[in-house]
Amino acid sequence: MPLIELAALPPTAQLCLKFASECQGLIALQPGYVGRSVPAETTALTFGALPVMHLIRHQLLRVRTGRDRELELTDRGTALIEHGRFFYEESQK
């Protein structure tokens, strides 16, 4: 079974995934992708398309149903945040 590890992602993609987890997803705005709901104690960050597309390509983020500008974590993305690694079957890639 193949393995995805959080530590193996590029640093910006790691930060983007963690930030999306804390902010209940991301939303596309003019400057880039920002948190949907940024907690008061969290610094607001903006991400470009490269780390976001990397996470989508690895099925860690997906477009929310009916909301084409919003992204949410997949089950795989949530598992990666919680456990630091995720095993998957080849057919799931």
PDB file of N, CA and C in Angstrom:
ATOM      1  N   MET A   1       0.838  -1.188   0.000  1.00  0.00           N
ATOM      2  CA  MET A   1       0.000   0.000   0.000  1.00  0.00           C
ATOM      3  C   MET A   1       0.881   1.249   0.000  1.00  0.00           C
ATOM      4  N   PRO A   2       0.629   2.168  -0.908  1.00  0.00           N
ATOM      5  CA  PRO A   2       1.380   3.426  -0.920  1.00  0.00           C
ATOM      6  C   PRO A   2       1.078   4.281   0.321  1.00  0.00           C
ATOM      7  N   LEU A   3       1.990   5.167   0.610  1.00  0.00           N
ATOM      8  CA  LEU A   3       1.930   5.997   1.806  1.00  0.00           C
ATOM      9  C   LEU A   3       2.122   7.463   1.432  1.00  0.00           C
ATOM     10  N   ILE A   4       1.321   8.325   2.024  1.00  0.00           N
ATOM     11  CA  ILE A   4       1.542   9.770   1.935  1.00  0.00           C
ATOM     12  C   ILE A   4       1.911  10.226   3.345  1.00  0.00           C
ATOM     13  N   GLU A   5       3.013  10.973   3.469  1.00  0.00           N
ATOM     14  CA  GLU A   5       3.417  11.507   4.765  1.00  0.00           C
ATOM     15  C   GLU A   5       3.366  13.026   4.714  1.00  0.00           C
ATOM     16  N   LEU A   6       2.897  13.614   5.789  1.00  0.00           N
ATOM     17  CA  LEU A   6       2.823  15.065   5.871  1.00  0.00           C
ATOM     18  C   LEU A   6       4.207  15.685   5.681  1.00  0.00           C
ATOM     19  N   ALA A   7       5.206  15.091   6.283  1.00  0.00           N
ATOM     20  CA  ALA A   7       6.575  15.614   6.192  1.00  0.00           C
ATOM     21  C   ALA A   7       7.132  15.573   4.774  1.00  0.00           C
ATOM     22  N   ALA A   8       6.574  14.721   3.907  1.00  0.00           N
ATOM     23  CA  ALA A   8       7.066  14.608   2.530  1.00  0.00           C
ATOM     24  C   ALA A   8       6.488  15.692   1.615  1.00  0.00           C
ATOM     25  N   LEU A   9       5.445  16.378   2.059  1.00  0.00           N
ATOM     26  CA  LEU A   9       4.874  17.464   1.255  1.00  0.00           C
ATOM     27  C   LEU A   9       5.814  18.664   1.276  1.00  0.00           C
ATOM     28  N   PRO A  10       5.798  19.477   0.218  1.00  0.00           N
ATOM     29  CA  PRO A  10       6.584  20.712   0.257  1.00  0.00           C
ATOM     30  C   PRO A  10       6.147  21.574   1.456  1.00  0.00           C
ATOM     31  N   PRO A  11       7.059  22.323   2.062  1.00  0.00           N
ATOM     32  CA  PRO A  11       6.734  23.104   3.251  1.00  0.00           C
ATOM     33  C   PRO A  11       5.508  24.013   3.091  1.00  0.00           C
ATOM     34  N   THR A  12       5.374  24.675   1.946  1.00  0.00           N
ATOM     35  CA  THR A  12       4.220  25.565   1.747  1.00  0.00           C
ATOM     36  C   THR A  12       2.925  24.768   1.673  1.00  0.00           C
ATOM     37  N   ALA A  13       2.959  23.577   1.069  1.00  0.00           N
ATOM     38  CA  ALA A  13       1.771  22.722   1.007  1.00  0.00           C
ATOM     39  C   ALA A  13       1.399  22.222   2.400  1.00  0.00           C
ATOM     40  N   GLN A  14       2.405  21.897   3.232  1.00  0.00           N
ATOM     41  CA  GLN A  14       2.135  21.487   4.612  1.00  0.00           C
ATOM     42  C   GLN A  14       1.418  22.602   5.364  1.00  0.00           C
ATOM     43  N   LEU A  15       1.958  23.808   5.274  1.00  0.00           N
ATOM     44  CA  LEU A  15       1.368  24.957   5.954  1.00  0.00           C
ATOM     45  C   LEU A  15      -0.041  25.220   5.445  1.00  0.00           C
ATOM     46  N   CYS A  16      -0.237  25.128   4.142  1.00  0.00           N
ATOM     47  CA  CYS A  16      -1.542  25.354   3.533  1.00  0.00           C
ATOM     48  C   CYS A  16      -2.560  24.335   4.042  1.00  0.00           C
ATOM     49  N   LEU A  17      -2.177  23.061   4.116  1.00  0.00           N
ATOM     50  CA  LEU A  17      -3.079  22.018   4.588  1.00  0.00           C
ATOM     51  C   LEU A  17      -3.440  22.236   6.060  1.00  0.00           C
ATOM     52  N   LYS A  18      -2.445  22.550   6.882  1.00  0.00           N
ATOM     53  CA  LYS A  18      -2.699  22.809   8.306  1.00  0.00           C
ATOM     54  C   LYS A  18      -3.603  24.021   8.479  1.00  0.00           C
ATOM     55  N   PHE A  19      -3.346  25.071   7.699  1.00  0.00           N
ATOM     56  CA  PHE A  19      -4.150  26.289   7.780  1.00  0.00           C
ATOM     57  C   PHE A  19      -5.587  26.010   7.340  1.00  0.00           C
ATOM     58  N   ALA A  20      -5.760  25.247   6.271  1.00  0.00           N
ATOM     59  CA  ALA A  20      -7.107  24.886   5.807  1.00  0.00           C
ATOM     60  C   ALA A  20      -7.848  24.095   6.877  1.00  0.00           C
ATOM     61  N   SER A  21      -7.135  23.248   7.595  1.00  0.00           N
ATOM     62  CA  SER A  21      -7.738  22.464   8.669  1.00  0.00           C
ATOM     63  C   SER A  21      -8.216  23.380   9.803  1.00  0.00           C
ATOM     64  N   GLU A  22      -7.403  24.343  10.186  1.00  0.00           N
ATOM     65  CA  GLU A  22      -7.745  25.271  11.272  1.00  0.00           C
ATOM     66  C   GLU A  22      -8.873  26.223  10.889  1.00  0.00           C
ATOM     67  N   CYS A  23      -8.989  26.534   9.606  1.00  0.00           N
ATOM     68  CA  CYS A  23      -9.933  27.559   9.133  1.00  0.00           C
ATOM     69  C   CYS A  23     -11.158  26.980   8.439  1.00  0.00           C
ATOM     70  N   GLN A  24     -11.415  25.695   8.613  1.00  0.00           N
ATOM     71  CA  GLN A  24     -12.565  25.035   7.999  1.00  0.00           C
ATOM     72  C   GLN A  24     -12.576  25.184   6.485  1.00  0.00           C
ATOM     73  N   GLY A  25     -11.396  25.111   5.896  1.00  0.00           N
ATOM     74  CA  GLY A  25     -11.266  25.174   4.444  1.00  0.00           C
ATOM     75  C   GLY A  25     -10.691  26.488   3.962  1.00  0.00           C
ATOM     76  N   LEU A  26     -10.661  26.636   2.648  1.00  0.00           N
ATOM     77  CA  LEU A  26     -10.123  27.838   1.999  1.00  0.00           C
ATOM     78  C   LEU A  26     -11.158  28.397   1.038  1.00  0.00           C
ATOM     79  N   ILE A  27     -11.012  29.670   0.727  1.00  0.00           N
ATOM     80  CA  ILE A  27     -11.866  30.303  -0.271  1.00  0.00           C
ATOM     81  C   ILE A  27     -10.973  31.086  -1.232  1.00  0.00           C
ATOM     82  N   ALA A  28     -11.309  31.036  -2.515  1.00  0.00           N
ATOM     83  CA  ALA A  28     -10.527  31.736  -3.538  1.00  0.00           C
ATOM     84  C   ALA A  28     -10.978  33.191  -3.601  1.00  0.00           C
ATOM     85  N   LEU A  29     -10.031  34.095  -3.388  1.00  0.00           N
ATOM     86  CA  LEU A  29     -10.270  35.530  -3.523  1.00  0.00           C
ATOM     87  C   LEU A  29      -9.244  36.087  -4.493  1.00  0.00           C
ATOM     88  N   GLN A  30      -9.315  37.344  -4.783  1.00  0.00           N
ATOM     89  CA  GLN A  30      -8.422  37.973  -5.753  1.00  0.00           C
ATOM     90  C   GLN A  30      -6.939  37.754  -5.455  1.00  0.00           C
ATOM     91  N   PRO A  31      -6.473  37.934  -4.201  1.00  0.00           N
ATOM     92  CA  PRO A  31      -5.033  37.755  -3.991  1.00  0.00           C
ATOM     93  C   PRO A  31      -4.577  36.306  -3.927  1.00  0.00           C
ATOM     94  N   GLY A  32      -5.484  35.356  -3.779  1.00  0.00           N
ATOM     95  CA  GLY A  32      -5.124  33.946  -3.649  1.00  0.00           C
ATOM     96  C   GLY A  32      -6.152  33.222  -2.804  1.00  0.00           C
ATOM     97  N   TYR A  33      -5.737  32.146  -2.165  1.00  0.00           N
ATOM     98  CA  TYR A  33      -6.627  31.350  -1.324  1.00  0.00           C
ATOM     99  C   TYR A  33      -6.424  31.738   0.132  1.00  0.00           C
ATOM    100  N   VAL A  34      -7.517  32.040   0.836  1.00  0.00           N
ATOM    101  CA  VAL A  34      -7.470  32.445   2.244  1.00  0.00           C
ATOM    102  C   VAL A  34      -8.375  31.521   3.053  1.00  0.00           C
ATOM    103  N   GLY A  35      -8.218  31.548   4.373  1.00  0.00           N
ATOM    104  CA  GLY A  35      -9.045  30.722   5.243  1.00  0.00           C
ATOM    105  C   GLY A  35     -10.501  31.151   5.205  1.00  0.00           C
ATOM    106  N   ARG A  36     -11.407  30.167   5.241  1.00  0.00           N
ATOM    107  CA  ARG A  36     -12.848  30.464   5.249  1.00  0.00           C
ATOM    108  C   ARG A  36     -13.255  31.085   6.569  1.00  0.00           C
ATOM    109  N   SER A  37     -12.711  30.613   7.671  1.00  0.00           N
ATOM    110  CA  SER A  37     -13.084  31.074   9.002  1.00  0.00           C
ATOM    111  C   SER A  37     -11.815  31.113   9.838  1.00  0.00           C
ATOM    112  N   VAL A  38     -11.147  32.245   9.860  1.00  0.00           N
ATOM    113  CA  VAL A  38      -9.854  32.359  10.536  1.00  0.00           C
ATOM    114  C   VAL A  38     -10.074  32.637  12.024  1.00  0.00           C
ATOM    115  N   PRO A  39      -9.623  31.729  12.914  1.00  0.00           N
ATOM    116  CA  PRO A  39      -9.749  31.974  14.353  1.00  0.00           C
ATOM    117  C   PRO A  39      -9.000  33.252  14.752  1.00  0.00           C
ATOM    118  N   ALA A  40      -9.495  33.922  15.763  1.00  0.00           N
ATOM    119  CA  ALA A  40      -8.918  35.205  16.190  1.00  0.00           C
ATOM    120  C   ALA A  40      -7.435  35.101  16.529  1.00  0.00           C
ATOM    121  N   GLU A  41      -7.012  33.974  17.111  1.00  0.00           N
ATOM    122  CA  GLU A  41      -5.612  33.826  17.517  1.00  0.00           C
ATOM    123  C   GLU A  41      -4.698  33.378  16.378  1.00  0.00           C
ATOM    124  N   THR A  42      -5.252  33.186  15.194  1.00  0.00           N
ATOM    125  CA  THR A  42      -4.482  32.714  14.042  1.00  0.00           C
ATOM    126  C   THR A  42      -4.181  33.870  13.095  1.00  0.00           C
ATOM    127  N   THR A  43      -2.948  33.940  12.619  1.00  0.00           N
ATOM    128  CA  THR A  43      -2.570  34.947  11.641  1.00  0.00           C
ATOM    129  C   THR A  43      -3.159  34.555  10.285  1.00  0.00           C
ATOM    130  N   ALA A  44      -3.811  35.499   9.634  1.00  0.00           N
ATOM    131  CA  ALA A  44      -4.391  35.239   8.310  1.00  0.00           C
ATOM    132  C   ALA A  44      -3.267  35.059   7.291  1.00  0.00           C
ATOM    133  N   LEU A  45      -3.364  34.022   6.492  1.00  0.00           N
ATOM    134  CA  LEU A  45      -2.379  33.741   5.458  1.00  0.00           C
ATOM    135  C   LEU A  45      -3.075  33.668   4.108  1.00  0.00           C
ATOM    136  N   THR A  46      -2.324  33.930   3.051  1.00  0.00           N
ATOM    137  CA  THR A  46      -2.826  33.801   1.690  1.00  0.00           C
ATOM    138  C   THR A  46      -1.891  32.863   0.933  1.00  0.00           C
ATOM    139  N   PHE A  47      -2.473  31.903   0.217  1.00  0.00           N
ATOM    140  CA  PHE A  47      -1.691  30.930  -0.533  1.00  0.00           C
ATOM    141  C   PHE A  47      -1.944  31.082  -2.018  1.00  0.00           C
ATOM    142  N   GLY A  48      -0.904  30.909  -2.802  1.00  0.00           N
ATOM    143  CA  GLY A  48      -1.032  30.921  -4.250  1.00  0.00           C
ATOM    144  C   GLY A  48      -1.564  29.598  -4.757  1.00  0.00           C
ATOM    145  N   ALA A  49      -1.693  29.491  -6.052  1.00  0.00           N
ATOM    146  CA  ALA A  49      -2.280  28.298  -6.666  1.00  0.00           C
ATOM    147  C   ALA A  49      -1.391  27.062  -6.545  1.00  0.00           C
ATOM    148  N   LEU A  50      -0.080  27.208  -6.509  1.00  0.00           N
ATOM    149  CA  LEU A  50       0.820  26.050  -6.527  1.00  0.00           C
ATOM    150  C   LEU A  50       0.610  25.099  -5.343  1.00  0.00           C
ATOM    151  N   PRO A  51       0.677  25.562  -4.083  1.00  0.00           N
ATOM    152  CA  PRO A  51       0.451  24.608  -2.990  1.00  0.00           C
ATOM    153  C   PRO A  51      -0.971  24.064  -2.961  1.00  0.00           C
ATOM    154  N   VAL A  52      -1.938  24.883  -3.344  1.00  0.00           N
ATOM    155  CA  VAL A  52      -3.332  24.439  -3.359  1.00  0.00           C
ATOM    156  C   VAL A  52      -3.522  23.345  -4.400  1.00  0.00           C
ATOM    157  N   MET A  53      -2.992  23.535  -5.592  1.00  0.00           N
ATOM    158  CA  MET A  53      -3.129  22.519  -6.642  1.00  0.00           C
ATOM    159  C   MET A  53      -2.381  21.234  -6.272  1.00  0.00           C
ATOM    160  N   HIS A  54      -1.261  21.368  -5.572  1.00  0.00           N
ATOM    161  CA  HIS A  54      -0.529  20.189  -5.102  1.00  0.00           C
ATOM    162  C   HIS A  54      -1.422  19.362  -4.170  1.00  0.00           C
ATOM    163  N   LEU A  55      -2.121  20.028  -3.266  1.00  0.00           N
ATOM    164  CA  LEU A  55      -3.001  19.328  -2.318  1.00  0.00           C
ATOM    165  C   LEU A  55      -4.215  18.726  -3.018  1.00  0.00           C
ATOM    166  N   ILE A  56      -4.743  19.418  -4.001  1.00  0.00           N
ATOM    167  CA  ILE A  56      -5.877  18.874  -4.764  1.00  0.00           C
ATOM    168  C   ILE A  56      -5.433  17.649  -5.560  1.00  0.00           C
ATOM    169  N   ARG A  57      -4.281  17.726  -6.183  1.00  0.00           N
ATOM    170  CA  ARG A  57      -3.759  16.614  -6.987  1.00  0.00           C
ATOM    171  C   ARG A  57      -3.569  15.357  -6.137  1.00  0.00           C
ATOM    172  N   HIS A  58      -3.209  15.527  -4.871  1.00  0.00           N
ATOM    173  CA  HIS A  58      -3.025  14.388  -3.965  1.00  0.00           C
ATOM    174  C   HIS A  58      -4.303  14.059  -3.186  1.00  0.00           C
ATOM    175  N   GLN A  59      -5.406  14.664  -3.603  1.00  0.00           N
ATOM    176  CA  GLN A  59      -6.727  14.407  -3.016  1.00  0.00           C
ATOM    177  C   GLN A  59      -6.775  14.715  -1.517  1.00  0.00           C
ATOM    178  N   LEU A  60      -6.091  15.789  -1.118  1.00  0.00           N
ATOM    179  CA  LEU A  60      -6.107  16.228   0.267  1.00  0.00           C
ATOM    180  C   LEU A  60      -7.087  17.386   0.457  1.00  0.00           C
ATOM    181  N   LEU A  61      -7.345  18.117  -0.611  1.00  0.00           N
ATOM    182  CA  LEU A  61      -8.355  19.177  -0.663  1.00  0.00           C
ATOM    183  C   LEU A  61      -9.264  18.913  -1.850  1.00  0.00           C
ATOM    184  N   ARG A  62     -10.497  19.408  -1.781  1.00  0.00           N
ATOM    185  CA  ARG A  62     -11.432  19.304  -2.906  1.00  0.00           C
ATOM    186  C   ARG A  62     -12.339  20.531  -2.897  1.00  0.00           C
ATOM    187  N   VAL A  63     -12.946  20.785  -4.038  1.00  0.00           N
ATOM    188  CA  VAL A  63     -13.919  21.882  -4.163  1.00  0.00           C
ATOM    189  C   VAL A  63     -15.188  21.470  -3.439  1.00  0.00           C
ATOM    190  N   ARG A  64     -15.742  22.375  -2.644  1.00  0.00           N
ATOM    191  CA  ARG A  64     -16.995  22.082  -1.932  1.00  0.00           C
ATOM    192  C   ARG A  64     -18.135  21.980  -2.934  1.00  0.00           C
ATOM    193  N   THR A  65     -18.994  21.038  -2.722  1.00  0.00           N
ATOM    194  CA  THR A  65     -20.146  20.836  -3.594  1.00  0.00           C
ATOM    195  C   THR A  65     -21.016  22.090  -3.626  1.00  0.00           C
ATOM    196  N   GLY A  66     -21.285  22.588  -4.831  1.00  0.00           N
ATOM    197  CA  GLY A  66     -22.137  23.759  -4.993  1.00  0.00           C
ATOM    198  C   GLY A  66     -21.481  25.091  -4.670  1.00  0.00           C
ATOM    199  N   ARG A  67     -20.219  25.075  -4.318  1.00  0.00           N
ATOM    200  CA  ARG A  67     -19.498  26.315  -3.970  1.00  0.00           C
ATOM    201  C   ARG A  67     -18.126  26.282  -4.642  1.00  0.00           C
ATOM    202  N   ASP A  68     -18.092  26.663  -5.897  1.00  0.00           N
ATOM    203  CA  ASP A  68     -16.890  26.484  -6.704  1.00  0.00           C
ATOM    204  C   ASP A  68     -15.684  27.311  -6.280  1.00  0.00           C
ATOM    205  N   ARG A  69     -15.858  28.279  -5.401  1.00  0.00           N
ATOM    206  CA  ARG A  69     -14.722  29.080  -4.926  1.00  0.00           C
ATOM    207  C   ARG A  69     -14.204  28.607  -3.572  1.00  0.00           C
ATOM    208  N   GLU A  70     -14.861  27.607  -2.979  1.00  0.00           N
ATOM    209  CA  GLU A  70     -14.482  27.125  -1.656  1.00  0.00           C
ATOM    210  C   GLU A  70     -13.873  25.728  -1.728  1.00  0.00           C
ATOM    211  N   LEU A  71     -12.849  25.511  -0.918  1.00  0.00           N
ATOM    212  CA  LEU A  71     -12.178  24.219  -0.836  1.00  0.00           C
ATOM    213  C   LEU A  71     -12.313  23.675   0.580  1.00  0.00           C
ATOM    214  N   GLU A  72     -12.395  22.345   0.690  1.00  0.00           N
ATOM    215  CA  GLU A  72     -12.476  21.704   2.000  1.00  0.00           C
ATOM    216  C   GLU A  72     -11.506  20.534   2.041  1.00  0.00           C
ATOM    217  N   LEU A  73     -11.131  20.117   3.247  1.00  0.00           N
ATOM    218  CA  LEU A  73     -10.282  18.952   3.398  1.00  0.00           C
ATOM    219  C   LEU A  73     -11.070  17.700   3.050  1.00  0.00           C
ATOM    220  N   THR A  74     -10.395  16.751   2.441  1.00  0.00           N
ATOM    221  CA  THR A  74     -10.980  15.438   2.196  1.00  0.00           C
ATOM    222  C   THR A  74     -10.732  14.589   3.448  1.00  0.00           C
ATOM    223  N   ASP A  75     -11.295  13.396   3.460  1.00  0.00           N
ATOM    224  CA  ASP A  75     -11.019  12.475   4.571  1.00  0.00           C
ATOM    225  C   ASP A  75      -9.527  12.158   4.628  1.00  0.00           C
ATOM    226  N   ARG A  76      -8.919  12.038   3.464  1.00  0.00           N
ATOM    227  CA  ARG A  76      -7.478  11.774   3.384  1.00  0.00           C
ATOM    228  C   ARG A  76      -6.687  12.938   3.982  1.00  0.00           C
ATOM    229  N   GLY A  77      -7.090  14.164   3.672  1.00  0.00           N
ATOM    230  CA  GLY A  77      -6.422  15.346   4.224  1.00  0.00           C
ATOM    231  C   GLY A  77      -6.567  15.429   5.735  1.00  0.00           C
ATOM    232  N   THR A  78      -7.752  15.115   6.236  1.00  0.00           N
ATOM    233  CA  THR A  78      -7.985  15.120   7.679  1.00  0.00           C
ATOM    234  C   THR A  78      -7.131  14.062   8.365  1.00  0.00           C
ATOM    235  N   ALA A  79      -7.073  12.860   7.790  1.00  0.00           N
ATOM    236  CA  ALA A  79      -6.255  11.783   8.361  1.00  0.00           C
ATOM    237  C   ALA A  79      -4.782  12.168   8.369  1.00  0.00           C
ATOM    238  N   LEU A  80      -4.335  12.840   7.323  1.00  0.00           N
ATOM    239  CA  LEU A  80      -2.936  13.254   7.252  1.00  0.00           C
ATOM    240  C   LEU A  80      -2.614  14.269   8.340  1.00  0.00           C
ATOM    241  N   ILE A  81      -3.504  15.211   8.580  1.00  0.00           N
ATOM    242  CA  ILE A  81      -3.314  16.197   9.649  1.00  0.00           C
ATOM    243  C   ILE A  81      -3.297  15.505  11.014  1.00  0.00           C
ATOM    244  N   GLU A  82      -4.233  14.598  11.232  1.00  0.00           N
ATOM    245  CA  GLU A  82      -4.364  13.954  12.542  1.00  0.00           C
ATOM    246  C   GLU A  82      -3.253  12.949  12.843  1.00  0.00           C
ATOM    247  N   HIS A  83      -2.778  12.227  11.827  1.00  0.00           N
ATOM    248  CA  HIS A  83      -1.836  11.132  12.064  1.00  0.00           C
ATOM    249  C   HIS A  83      -0.458  11.331  11.439  1.00  0.00           C
ATOM    250  N   GLY A  84      -0.320  12.314  10.565  1.00  0.00           N
ATOM    251  CA  GLY A  84       0.975  12.579   9.945  1.00  0.00           C
ATOM    252  C   GLY A  84       1.306  11.686   8.763  1.00  0.00           C
ATOM    253  N   ARG A  85       0.484  10.661   8.526  1.00  0.00           N
ATOM    254  CA  ARG A  85       0.683   9.759   7.384  1.00  0.00           C
ATOM    255  C   ARG A  85      -0.640   9.115   7.032  1.00  0.00           C
ATOM    256  N   PHE A  86      -0.722   8.649   5.796  1.00  0.00           N
ATOM    257  CA  PHE A  86      -1.961   8.042   5.328  1.00  0.00           C
ATOM    258  C   PHE A  86      -1.625   6.960   4.318  1.00  0.00           C
ATOM    259  N   PHE A  87      -2.061   5.735   4.586  1.00  0.00           N
ATOM    260  CA  PHE A  87      -1.921   4.634   3.634  1.00  0.00           C
ATOM    261  C   PHE A  87      -3.174   4.594   2.765  1.00  0.00           C
ATOM    262  N   TYR A  88      -2.989   4.334   1.479  1.00  0.00           N
ATOM    263  CA  TYR A  88      -4.146   4.246   0.593  1.00  0.00           C
ATOM    264  C   TYR A  88      -3.933   3.128  -0.422  1.00  0.00           C
ATOM    265  N   GLU A  89      -5.032   2.663  -0.979  1.00  0.00           N
ATOM    266  CA  GLU A  89      -4.957   1.632  -2.002  1.00  0.00           C
ATOM    267  C   GLU A  89      -4.657   2.280  -3.338  1.00  0.00           C
ATOM    268  N   GLU A  90      -3.973   1.584  -4.229  1.00  0.00           N
ATOM    269  CA  GLU A  90      -3.605   2.119  -5.546  1.00  0.00           C
ATOM    270  C   GLU A  90      -4.795   2.696  -6.271  1.00  0.00           C
ATOM    271  N   SER A  91      -5.942   2.056  -6.202  1.00  0.00           N
ATOM    272  CA  SER A  91      -7.122   2.518  -6.923  1.00  0.00           C
ATOM    273  C   SER A  91      -7.636   3.854  -6.395  1.00  0.00           C
ATOM    274  N   GLN A  92      -7.203   4.265  -5.200  1.00  0.00           N
ATOM    275  CA  GLN A  92      -7.634   5.537  -4.601  1.00  0.00           C
ATOM    276  C   GLN A  92      -6.758   6.691  -5.006  1.00  0.00           C
ATOM    277  N   LYS A  93      -5.678   6.453  -5.675  1.00  0.00           N
ATOM    278  CA  LYS A  93      -4.773   7.543  -6.026  1.00  0.00           C
ATOM    279  C   LYS A  93      -5.406   8.401  -7.055  1.00  0.00           C
TER     280      LYS A  93
END
